[in-house]
Amino acid sequence: MAMKRRGISQDMMYKRTGISKPTLRKITKGDPSVSIGHYVNVLAVLGLLEDLGNVALDDELGRKLQDIELLKRKR
């Protein structure tokens, strides 16, 4: 959706990132097997690189679950 909003075609993205077409297709599907570096390249082209820091900024639920598990271990 970010590519469409910015008027960036897949062809333009291939040229700007140097990422292969199959890999870019995987990125658009959110494939976790693609290296984070490729995701960073795409985010940079989209002007969204600064948003990468928000991905794991505050995992409130994760911390609560971890705290519960740690409390169980002490008993």
PDB file of N, CA and C in Angstrom:
ATOM      1  N   MET A   1       0.821  -1.180   0.000  1.00  0.00           N
ATOM      2  CA  MET A   1       0.000   0.000   0.000  1.00  0.00           C
ATOM      3  C   MET A   1       0.874   1.256   0.000  1.00  0.00           C
ATOM      4  N   ALA A   2       1.984   1.208   0.702  1.00  0.00           N
ATOM      5  CA  ALA A   2       2.863   2.374   0.761  1.00  0.00           C
ATOM      6  C   ALA A   2       3.409   2.716  -0.627  1.00  0.00           C
ATOM      7  N   MET A   3       3.690   1.700  -1.416  1.00  0.00           N
ATOM      8  CA  MET A   3       4.172   1.948  -2.784  1.00  0.00           C
ATOM      9  C   MET A   3       3.084   2.622  -3.606  1.00  0.00           C
ATOM     10  N   LYS A   4       1.859   2.147  -3.490  1.00  0.00           N
ATOM     11  CA  LYS A   4       0.747   2.731  -4.243  1.00  0.00           C
ATOM     12  C   LYS A   4       0.500   4.166  -3.821  1.00  0.00           C
ATOM     13  N   ARG A   5       0.532   4.420  -2.523  1.00  0.00           N
ATOM     14  CA  ARG A   5       0.310   5.778  -2.025  1.00  0.00           C
ATOM     15  C   ARG A   5       1.345   6.759  -2.564  1.00  0.00           C
ATOM     16  N   ARG A   6       2.534   6.277  -2.767  1.00  0.00           N
ATOM     17  CA  ARG A   6       3.623   7.140  -3.227  1.00  0.00           C
ATOM     18  C   ARG A   6       3.796   7.126  -4.744  1.00  0.00           C
ATOM     19  N   GLY A   7       2.985   6.335  -5.409  1.00  0.00           N
ATOM     20  CA  GLY A   7       3.083   6.252  -6.867  1.00  0.00           C
ATOM     21  C   GLY A   7       4.341   5.564  -7.347  1.00  0.00           C
ATOM     22  N   ILE A   8       4.823   4.614  -6.540  1.00  0.00           N
ATOM     23  CA  ILE A   8       6.033   3.876  -6.896  1.00  0.00           C
ATOM     24  C   ILE A   8       5.612   2.504  -7.415  1.00  0.00           C
ATOM     25  N   SER A   9       5.935   2.236  -8.650  1.00  0.00           N
ATOM     26  CA  SER A   9       5.602   0.939  -9.238  1.00  0.00           C
ATOM     27  C   SER A   9       6.628  -0.101  -8.783  1.00  0.00           C
ATOM     28  N   GLN A  10       6.295  -1.374  -8.990  1.00  0.00           N
ATOM     29  CA  GLN A  10       7.248  -2.433  -8.655  1.00  0.00           C
ATOM     30  C   GLN A  10       8.518  -2.279  -9.474  1.00  0.00           C
ATOM     31  N   ASP A  11       8.359  -1.893 -10.720  1.00  0.00           N
ATOM     32  CA  ASP A  11       9.530  -1.711 -11.579  1.00  0.00           C
ATOM     33  C   ASP A  11      10.443  -0.618 -11.033  1.00  0.00           C
ATOM     34  N   MET A  12       9.848   0.483 -10.580  1.00  0.00           N
ATOM     35  CA  MET A  12      10.645   1.568  -9.996  1.00  0.00           C
ATOM     36  C   MET A  12      11.361   1.088  -8.735  1.00  0.00           C
ATOM     37  N   MET A  13      10.656   0.303  -7.934  1.00  0.00           N
ATOM     38  CA  MET A  13      11.247  -0.200  -6.691  1.00  0.00           C
ATOM     39  C   MET A  13      12.416  -1.128  -6.990  1.00  0.00           C
ATOM     40  N   TYR A  14      12.282  -1.991  -7.996  1.00  0.00           N
ATOM     41  CA  TYR A  14      13.387  -2.876  -8.388  1.00  0.00           C
ATOM     42  C   TYR A  14      14.612  -2.054  -8.741  1.00  0.00           C
ATOM     43  N   LYS A  15      14.399  -1.008  -9.521  1.00  0.00           N
ATOM     44  CA  LYS A  15      15.519  -0.179  -9.987  1.00  0.00           C
ATOM     45  C   LYS A  15      16.154   0.608  -8.853  1.00  0.00           C
ATOM     46  N   ARG A  16      15.357   1.102  -7.933  1.00  0.00           N
ATOM     47  CA  ARG A  16      15.880   1.936  -6.847  1.00  0.00           C
ATOM     48  C   ARG A  16      16.578   1.141  -5.755  1.00  0.00           C
ATOM     49  N   THR A  17      16.161  -0.096  -5.557  1.00  0.00           N
ATOM     50  CA  THR A  17      16.748  -0.892  -4.473  1.00  0.00           C
ATOM     51  C   THR A  17      17.782  -1.901  -4.956  1.00  0.00           C
ATOM     52  N   GLY A  18      17.665  -2.318  -6.209  1.00  0.00           N
ATOM     53  CA  GLY A  18      18.551  -3.367  -6.708  1.00  0.00           C
ATOM     54  C   GLY A  18      18.155  -4.749  -6.210  1.00  0.00           C
ATOM     55  N   ILE A  19      16.994  -4.848  -5.587  1.00  0.00           N
ATOM     56  CA  ILE A  19      16.501  -6.123  -5.063  1.00  0.00           C
ATOM     57  C   ILE A  19      15.809  -6.874  -6.196  1.00  0.00           C
ATOM     58  N   SER A  20      16.023  -8.166  -6.264  1.00  0.00           N
ATOM     59  CA  SER A  20      15.419  -8.963  -7.332  1.00  0.00           C
ATOM     60  C   SER A  20      13.898  -8.937  -7.239  1.00  0.00           C
ATOM     61  N   LYS A  21      13.251  -9.186  -8.366  1.00  0.00           N
ATOM     62  CA  LYS A  21      11.789  -9.167  -8.403  1.00  0.00           C
ATOM     63  C   LYS A  21      11.170 -10.216  -7.478  1.00  0.00           C
ATOM     64  N   PRO A  22      11.699 -11.458  -7.483  1.00  0.00           N
ATOM     65  CA  PRO A  22      11.119 -12.451  -6.552  1.00  0.00           C
ATOM     66  C   PRO A  22      11.263 -12.040  -5.079  1.00  0.00           C
ATOM     67  N   THR A  23      12.391 -11.440  -4.734  1.00  0.00           N
ATOM     68  CA  THR A  23      12.601 -11.022  -3.344  1.00  0.00           C
ATOM     69  C   THR A  23      11.673  -9.874  -2.987  1.00  0.00           C
ATOM     70  N   LEU A  24      11.492  -8.939  -3.896  1.00  0.00           N
ATOM     71  CA  LEU A  24      10.574  -7.832  -3.629  1.00  0.00           C
ATOM     72  C   LEU A  24       9.139  -8.347  -3.463  1.00  0.00           C
ATOM     73  N   ARG A  25       8.768  -9.334  -4.245  1.00  0.00           N
ATOM     74  CA  ARG A  25       7.436  -9.928  -4.086  1.00  0.00           C
ATOM     75  C   ARG A  25       7.287 -10.539  -2.692  1.00  0.00           C
ATOM     76  N   LYS A  26       8.353 -11.197  -2.230  1.00  0.00           N
ATOM     77  CA  LYS A  26       8.322 -11.775  -0.881  1.00  0.00           C
ATOM     78  C   LYS A  26       8.168 -10.685   0.173  1.00  0.00           C
ATOM     79  N   ILE A  27       8.854  -9.567  -0.030  1.00  0.00           N
ATOM     80  CA  ILE A  27       8.777  -8.455   0.920  1.00  0.00           C
ATOM     81  C   ILE A  27       7.361  -7.915   0.979  1.00  0.00           C
ATOM     82  N   THR A  28       6.725  -7.749  -0.172  1.00  0.00           N
ATOM     83  CA  THR A  28       5.362  -7.217  -0.180  1.00  0.00           C
ATOM     84  C   THR A  28       4.380  -8.160   0.501  1.00  0.00           C
ATOM     85  N   LYS A  29       4.742  -9.443   0.593  1.00  0.00           N
ATOM     86  CA  LYS A  29       3.898 -10.419   1.281  1.00  0.00           C
ATOM     87  C   LYS A  29       4.289 -10.566   2.753  1.00  0.00           C
ATOM     88  N   GLY A  30       5.378  -9.901   3.164  1.00  0.00           N
ATOM     89  CA  GLY A  30       5.825  -9.980   4.551  1.00  0.00           C
ATOM     90  C   GLY A  30       6.580 -11.243   4.889  1.00  0.00           C
ATOM     91  N   ASP A  31       7.198 -11.849   3.901  1.00  0.00           N
ATOM     92  CA  ASP A  31       7.930 -13.105   4.092  1.00  0.00           C
ATOM     93  C   ASP A  31       9.086 -12.900   5.081  1.00  0.00           C
ATOM     94  N   PRO A  32       9.106 -13.650   6.189  1.00  0.00           N
ATOM     95  CA  PRO A  32      10.165 -13.492   7.179  1.00  0.00           C
ATOM     96  C   PRO A  32      11.509 -14.073   6.754  1.00  0.00           C
ATOM     97  N   SER A  33      11.556 -14.790   5.639  1.00  0.00           N
ATOM     98  CA  SER A  33      12.828 -15.377   5.208  1.00  0.00           C
ATOM     99  C   SER A  33      13.727 -14.363   4.496  1.00  0.00           C
ATOM    100  N   VAL A  34      13.182 -13.188   4.186  1.00  0.00           N
ATOM    101  CA  VAL A  34      13.963 -12.151   3.500  1.00  0.00           C
ATOM    102  C   VAL A  34      14.809 -11.414   4.537  1.00  0.00           C
ATOM    103  N   SER A  35      16.047 -11.102   4.176  1.00  0.00           N
ATOM    104  CA  SER A  35      16.949 -10.446   5.126  1.00  0.00           C
ATOM    105  C   SER A  35      16.428  -9.061   5.500  1.00  0.00           C
ATOM    106  N   ILE A  36      16.711  -8.678   6.726  1.00  0.00           N
ATOM    107  CA  ILE A  36      16.275  -7.380   7.226  1.00  0.00           C
ATOM    108  C   ILE A  36      16.872  -6.247   6.389  1.00  0.00           C
ATOM    109  N   GLY A  37      18.044  -6.483   5.819  1.00  0.00           N
ATOM    110  CA  GLY A  37      18.686  -5.468   4.984  1.00  0.00           C
ATOM    111  C   GLY A  37      17.853  -5.110   3.769  1.00  0.00           C
ATOM    112  N   HIS A  38      17.206  -6.107   3.181  1.00  0.00           N
ATOM    113  CA  HIS A  38      16.334  -5.840   2.040  1.00  0.00           C
ATOM    114  C   HIS A  38      15.119  -5.030   2.474  1.00  0.00           C
ATOM    115  N   TYR A  39      14.561  -5.361   3.620  1.00  0.00           N
ATOM    116  CA  TYR A  39      13.436  -4.591   4.139  1.00  0.00           C
ATOM    117  C   TYR A  39      13.857  -3.143   4.384  1.00  0.00           C
ATOM    118  N   VAL A  40      15.051  -2.951   4.923  1.00  0.00           N
ATOM    119  CA  VAL A  40      15.565  -1.608   5.182  1.00  0.00           C
ATOM    120  C   VAL A  40      15.681  -0.817   3.878  1.00  0.00           C
ATOM    121  N   ASN A  41      16.182  -1.454   2.821  1.00  0.00           N
ATOM    122  CA  ASN A  41      16.293  -0.779   1.529  1.00  0.00           C
ATOM    123  C   ASN A  41      14.935  -0.312   1.028  1.00  0.00           C
ATOM    124  N   VAL A  42      13.944  -1.172   1.125  1.00  0.00           N
ATOM    125  CA  VAL A  42      12.599  -0.824   0.662  1.00  0.00           C
ATOM    126  C   VAL A  42      12.017   0.300   1.524  1.00  0.00           C
ATOM    127  N   LEU A  43      12.165   0.197   2.834  1.00  0.00           N
ATOM    128  CA  LEU A  43      11.662   1.248   3.719  1.00  0.00           C
ATOM    129  C   LEU A  43      12.318   2.588   3.428  1.00  0.00           C
ATOM    130  N   ALA A  44      13.606   2.572   3.116  1.00  0.00           N
ATOM    131  CA  ALA A  44      14.319   3.810   2.791  1.00  0.00           C
ATOM    132  C   ALA A  44      13.744   4.450   1.536  1.00  0.00           C
ATOM    133  N   VAL A  45      13.498   3.665   0.511  1.00  0.00           N
ATOM    134  CA  VAL A  45      12.924   4.190  -0.728  1.00  0.00           C
ATOM    135  C   VAL A  45      11.541   4.774  -0.472  1.00  0.00           C
ATOM    136  N   LEU A  46      10.789   4.151   0.424  1.00  0.00           N
ATOM    137  CA  LEU A  46       9.439   4.612   0.729  1.00  0.00           C
ATOM    138  C   LEU A  46       9.415   5.787   1.714  1.00  0.00           C
ATOM    139  N   GLY A  47      10.583   6.130   2.242  1.00  0.00           N
ATOM    140  CA  GLY A  47      10.646   7.205   3.228  1.00  0.00           C
ATOM    141  C   GLY A  47      10.119   6.784   4.590  1.00  0.00           C
ATOM    142  N   LEU A  48      10.180   5.498   4.861  1.00  0.00           N
ATOM    143  CA  LEU A  48       9.641   4.953   6.106  1.00  0.00           C
ATOM    144  C   LEU A  48      10.711   4.344   7.012  1.00  0.00           C
ATOM    145  N   LEU A  49      11.955   4.587   6.707  1.00  0.00           N
ATOM    146  CA  LEU A  49      13.041   3.957   7.461  1.00  0.00           C
ATOM    147  C   LEU A  49      12.979   4.309   8.949  1.00  0.00           C
ATOM    148  N   GLU A  50      12.596   5.531   9.263  1.00  0.00           N
ATOM    149  CA  GLU A  50      12.532   5.940  10.670  1.00  0.00           C
ATOM    150  C   GLU A  50      11.486   5.150  11.443  1.00  0.00           C
ATOM    151  N   ASP A  51      10.490   4.613  10.740  1.00  0.00           N
ATOM    152  CA  ASP A  51       9.455   3.822  11.400  1.00  0.00           C
ATOM    153  C   ASP A  51       9.956   2.458  11.860  1.00  0.00           C
ATOM    154  N   LEU A  52      11.085   2.013  11.353  1.00  0.00           N
ATOM    155  CA  LEU A  52      11.623   0.708  11.728  1.00  0.00           C
ATOM    156  C   LEU A  52      11.855   0.624  13.235  1.00  0.00           C
ATOM    157  N   GLY A  53      12.244   1.710  13.826  1.00  0.00           N
ATOM    158  CA  GLY A  53      12.480   1.733  15.265  1.00  0.00           C
ATOM    159  C   GLY A  53      11.227   1.510  16.087  1.00  0.00           C
ATOM    160  N   ASN A  54      10.073   1.722  15.497  1.00  0.00           N
ATOM    161  CA  ASN A  54       8.812   1.536  16.212  1.00  0.00           C
ATOM    162  C   ASN A  54       8.370   0.085  16.274  1.00  0.00           C
ATOM    163  N   VAL A  55       8.997  -0.759  15.485  1.00  0.00           N
ATOM    164  CA  VAL A  55       8.567  -2.151  15.398  1.00  0.00           C
ATOM    165  C   VAL A  55       8.599  -2.834  16.760  1.00  0.00           C
ATOM    166  N   ALA A  56       9.659  -2.690  17.495  1.00  0.00           N
ATOM    167  CA  ALA A  56       9.766  -3.344  18.809  1.00  0.00           C
ATOM    168  C   ALA A  56       9.996  -2.317  19.911  1.00  0.00           C
ATOM    169  N   LEU A  57       9.483  -1.128  19.696  1.00  0.00           N
ATOM    170  CA  LEU A  57       9.714  -0.049  20.650  1.00  0.00           C
ATOM    171  C   LEU A  57       9.234  -0.405  22.050  1.00  0.00           C
ATOM    172  N   ASP A  58       7.998  -0.826  22.168  1.00  0.00           N
ATOM    173  CA  ASP A  58       7.468  -1.159  23.481  1.00  0.00           C
ATOM    174  C   ASP A  58       6.537  -2.355  23.357  1.00  0.00           C
ATOM    175  N   ASP A  59       7.017  -3.488  23.766  1.00  0.00           N
ATOM    176  CA  ASP A  59       6.223  -4.710  23.720  1.00  0.00           C
ATOM    177  C   ASP A  59       5.621  -4.929  25.098  1.00  0.00           C
ATOM    178  N   GLU A  60       4.616  -4.141  25.416  1.00  0.00           N
ATOM    179  CA  GLU A  60       4.019  -4.170  26.746  1.00  0.00           C
ATOM    180  C   GLU A  60       3.461  -5.548  27.094  1.00  0.00           C
ATOM    181  N   LEU A  61       2.723  -6.139  26.176  1.00  0.00           N
ATOM    182  CA  LEU A  61       2.158  -7.464  26.428  1.00  0.00           C
ATOM    183  C   LEU A  61       3.265  -8.502  26.603  1.00  0.00           C
ATOM    184  N   GLY A  62       4.276  -8.440  25.747  1.00  0.00           N
ATOM    185  CA  GLY A  62       5.379  -9.383  25.838  1.00  0.00           C
ATOM    186  C   GLY A  62       6.096  -9.304  27.179  1.00  0.00           C
ATOM    187  N   ARG A  63       6.289  -8.075  27.676  1.00  0.00           N
ATOM    188  CA  ARG A  63       6.949  -7.909  28.967  1.00  0.00           C
ATOM    189  C   ARG A  63       6.094  -8.464  30.099  1.00  0.00           C
ATOM    190  N   LYS A  64       4.784  -8.254  30.030  1.00  0.00           N
ATOM    191  CA  LYS A  64       3.896  -8.785  31.067  1.00  0.00           C
ATOM    192  C   LYS A  64       3.911 -10.306  31.086  1.00  0.00           C
ATOM    193  N   LEU A  65       3.868 -10.902  29.901  1.00  0.00           N
ATOM    194  CA  LEU A  65       3.923 -12.361  29.820  1.00  0.00           C
ATOM    195  C   LEU A  65       5.247 -12.890  30.351  1.00  0.00           C
ATOM    196  N   GLN A  66       6.323 -12.191  30.037  1.00  0.00           N
ATOM    197  CA  GLN A  66       7.638 -12.604  30.514  1.00  0.00           C
ATOM    198  C   GLN A  66       7.707 -12.469  32.039  1.00  0.00           C
ATOM    199  N   ASP A  67       7.166 -11.386  32.581  1.00  0.00           N
ATOM    200  CA  ASP A  67       7.159 -11.194  34.036  1.00  0.00           C
ATOM    201  C   ASP A  67       6.373 -12.290  34.741  1.00  0.00           C
ATOM    202  N   ILE A  68       5.226 -12.677  34.191  1.00  0.00           N
ATOM    203  CA  ILE A  68       4.425 -13.756  34.760  1.00  0.00           C
ATOM    204  C   ILE A  68       5.226 -15.040  34.805  1.00  0.00           C
ATOM    205  N   GLU A  69       5.904 -15.334  33.701  1.00  0.00           N
ATOM    206  CA  GLU A  69       6.707 -16.564  33.634  1.00  0.00           C
ATOM    207  C   GLU A  69       7.853 -16.504  34.645  1.00  0.00           C
ATOM    208  N   LEU A  70       8.488 -15.361  34.806  1.00  0.00           N
ATOM    209  CA  LEU A  70       9.578 -15.232  35.764  1.00  0.00           C
ATOM    210  C   LEU A  70       9.084 -15.406  37.201  1.00  0.00           C
ATOM    211  N   LEU A  71       7.884 -14.886  37.482  1.00  0.00           N
ATOM    212  CA  LEU A  71       7.320 -15.069  38.819  1.00  0.00           C
ATOM    213  C   LEU A  71       6.975 -16.521  39.097  1.00  0.00           C
ATOM    214  N   LYS A  72       6.526 -17.247  38.111  1.00  0.00           N
ATOM    215  CA  LYS A  72       6.216 -18.673  38.266  1.00  0.00           C
ATOM    216  C   LYS A  72       7.461 -19.466  38.608  1.00  0.00           C
ATOM    217  N   ARG A  73       8.575 -19.102  38.027  1.00  0.00           N
ATOM    218  CA  ARG A  73       9.828 -19.852  38.238  1.00  0.00           C
ATOM    219  C   ARG A  73      10.341 -19.703  39.664  1.00  0.00           C
ATOM    220  N   LYS A  74      10.057 -18.593  40.331  1.00  0.00           N
ATOM    221  CA  LYS A  74      10.561 -18.365  41.688  1.00  0.00           C
ATOM    222  C   LYS A  74       9.850 -19.209  42.716  1.00  0.00           C
ATOM    223  N   ARG A  75       8.627 -19.637  42.413  1.00  0.00           N
ATOM    224  CA  ARG A  75       7.835 -20.390  43.395  1.00  0.00           C
ATOM    225  C   ARG A  75       8.326 -21.773  43.585  1.00  0.00           C
TER     226      ARG A  75
END
